[in-house]
């Protein structure tokens, strides 16, 4: 087992070949990188906020889906 210490997102190190496009999105004043689905939904990939409360919000965790 190897541990890779890097400031990069896991998706930058291990890109997957899905057809979903990466987009910047701001939800409730919380900037994040999301995958844009074909149905208009966005899946959170990475929180880009400097506010610690955004990281503690369970609805803003990576993997969650946003309707927009």
Protein backbone atom coordinates (compact mmCIF):
# COMPACT_ATOMS: atom_id res chain seq x y z
CA UNK A 1 0.00 0.00 0.00
CA UNK A 2 1.30 3.44 -0.95
CA UNK A 3 0.23 6.75 0.54
CA UNK A 4 0.43 9.73 -1.79
CA UNK A 5 0.65 13.11 -0.05
CA UNK A 6 -0.39 15.84 -2.48
CA UNK A 7 -2.44 19.06 -2.50
CA UNK A 8 -4.18 17.82 -5.64
CA UNK A 9 -7.68 16.44 -5.66
CA UNK A 10 -7.99 12.66 -5.95
CA UNK A 11 -9.74 13.27 -9.28
CA UNK A 12 -6.66 15.08 -10.61
CA UNK A 13 -4.41 12.18 -9.61
CA UNK A 14 -6.82 9.41 -10.64
CA UNK A 15 -9.08 10.84 -13.36
CA UNK A 16 -12.02 8.71 -14.35
CA UNK A 17 -13.35 8.66 -17.86
CA UNK A 18 -16.97 9.62 -17.26
CA UNK A 19 -18.69 12.02 -19.58
CA UNK A 20 -19.53 14.45 -16.76
CA UNK A 21 -17.92 17.87 -17.09
CA UNK A 22 -16.16 19.58 -14.15
CA UNK A 23 -17.66 23.01 -13.36
CA UNK A 24 -17.20 25.72 -10.74
CA UNK A 25 -20.37 26.28 -8.71
CA UNK A 26 -21.29 28.48 -5.75
CA UNK A 27 -24.05 27.17 -3.46
CA UNK A 28 -25.13 29.28 -0.45
CA UNK A 29 -21.91 31.34 -0.67
CA UNK A 30 -19.81 28.17 -0.69
CA UNK A 31 -17.52 27.82 -3.74
CA UNK A 32 -16.97 24.27 -4.95
CA UNK A 33 -15.95 22.14 -7.89
CA UNK A 34 -18.73 19.90 -9.17
CA UNK A 35 -19.41 17.38 -11.89
CA UNK A 36 -22.21 18.54 -14.15
CA UNK A 37 -24.69 15.78 -14.94
CA UNK A 38 -26.75 15.69 -18.11
CA UNK A 39 -29.95 16.12 -16.10
CA UNK A 40 -28.81 19.49 -14.67
CA UNK A 41 -27.76 18.10 -11.29
CA UNK A 42 -24.28 18.73 -9.92
CA UNK A 43 -22.24 16.32 -7.79
CA UNK A 44 -19.86 17.95 -5.31
CA UNK A 45 -16.24 16.97 -5.91
CA UNK A 46 -14.31 19.48 -3.80
CA UNK A 47 -15.16 22.36 -1.42
CA UNK A 48 -13.08 25.47 -2.20
CA UNK A 49 -14.26 27.58 0.75
CA UNK A 50 -12.15 29.09 3.53
CA UNK A 51 -15.11 29.00 5.94
CA UNK A 52 -14.77 26.00 8.32
CA UNK A 53 -18.56 25.78 8.72
CA UNK A 54 -18.92 24.76 5.06
CA UNK A 55 -16.80 21.68 5.73
CA UNK A 56 -18.99 20.72 8.71
CA UNK A 57 -22.26 20.97 6.76
CA UNK A 58 -23.31 17.38 5.90
CA UNK A 59 -25.27 18.58 2.85
CA UNK A 60 -22.08 20.03 1.30
CA UNK A 61 -19.84 16.96 1.52
CA UNK A 62 -18.12 15.53 -1.59
CA UNK A 63 -20.35 13.03 -3.35
CA UNK A 64 -23.59 14.85 -2.51
CA UNK A 65 -25.88 15.90 -5.38
CA UNK A 66 -27.20 19.46 -5.78
CA UNK A 67 -30.32 20.34 -7.75
CA UNK A 68 -29.79 23.38 -9.96
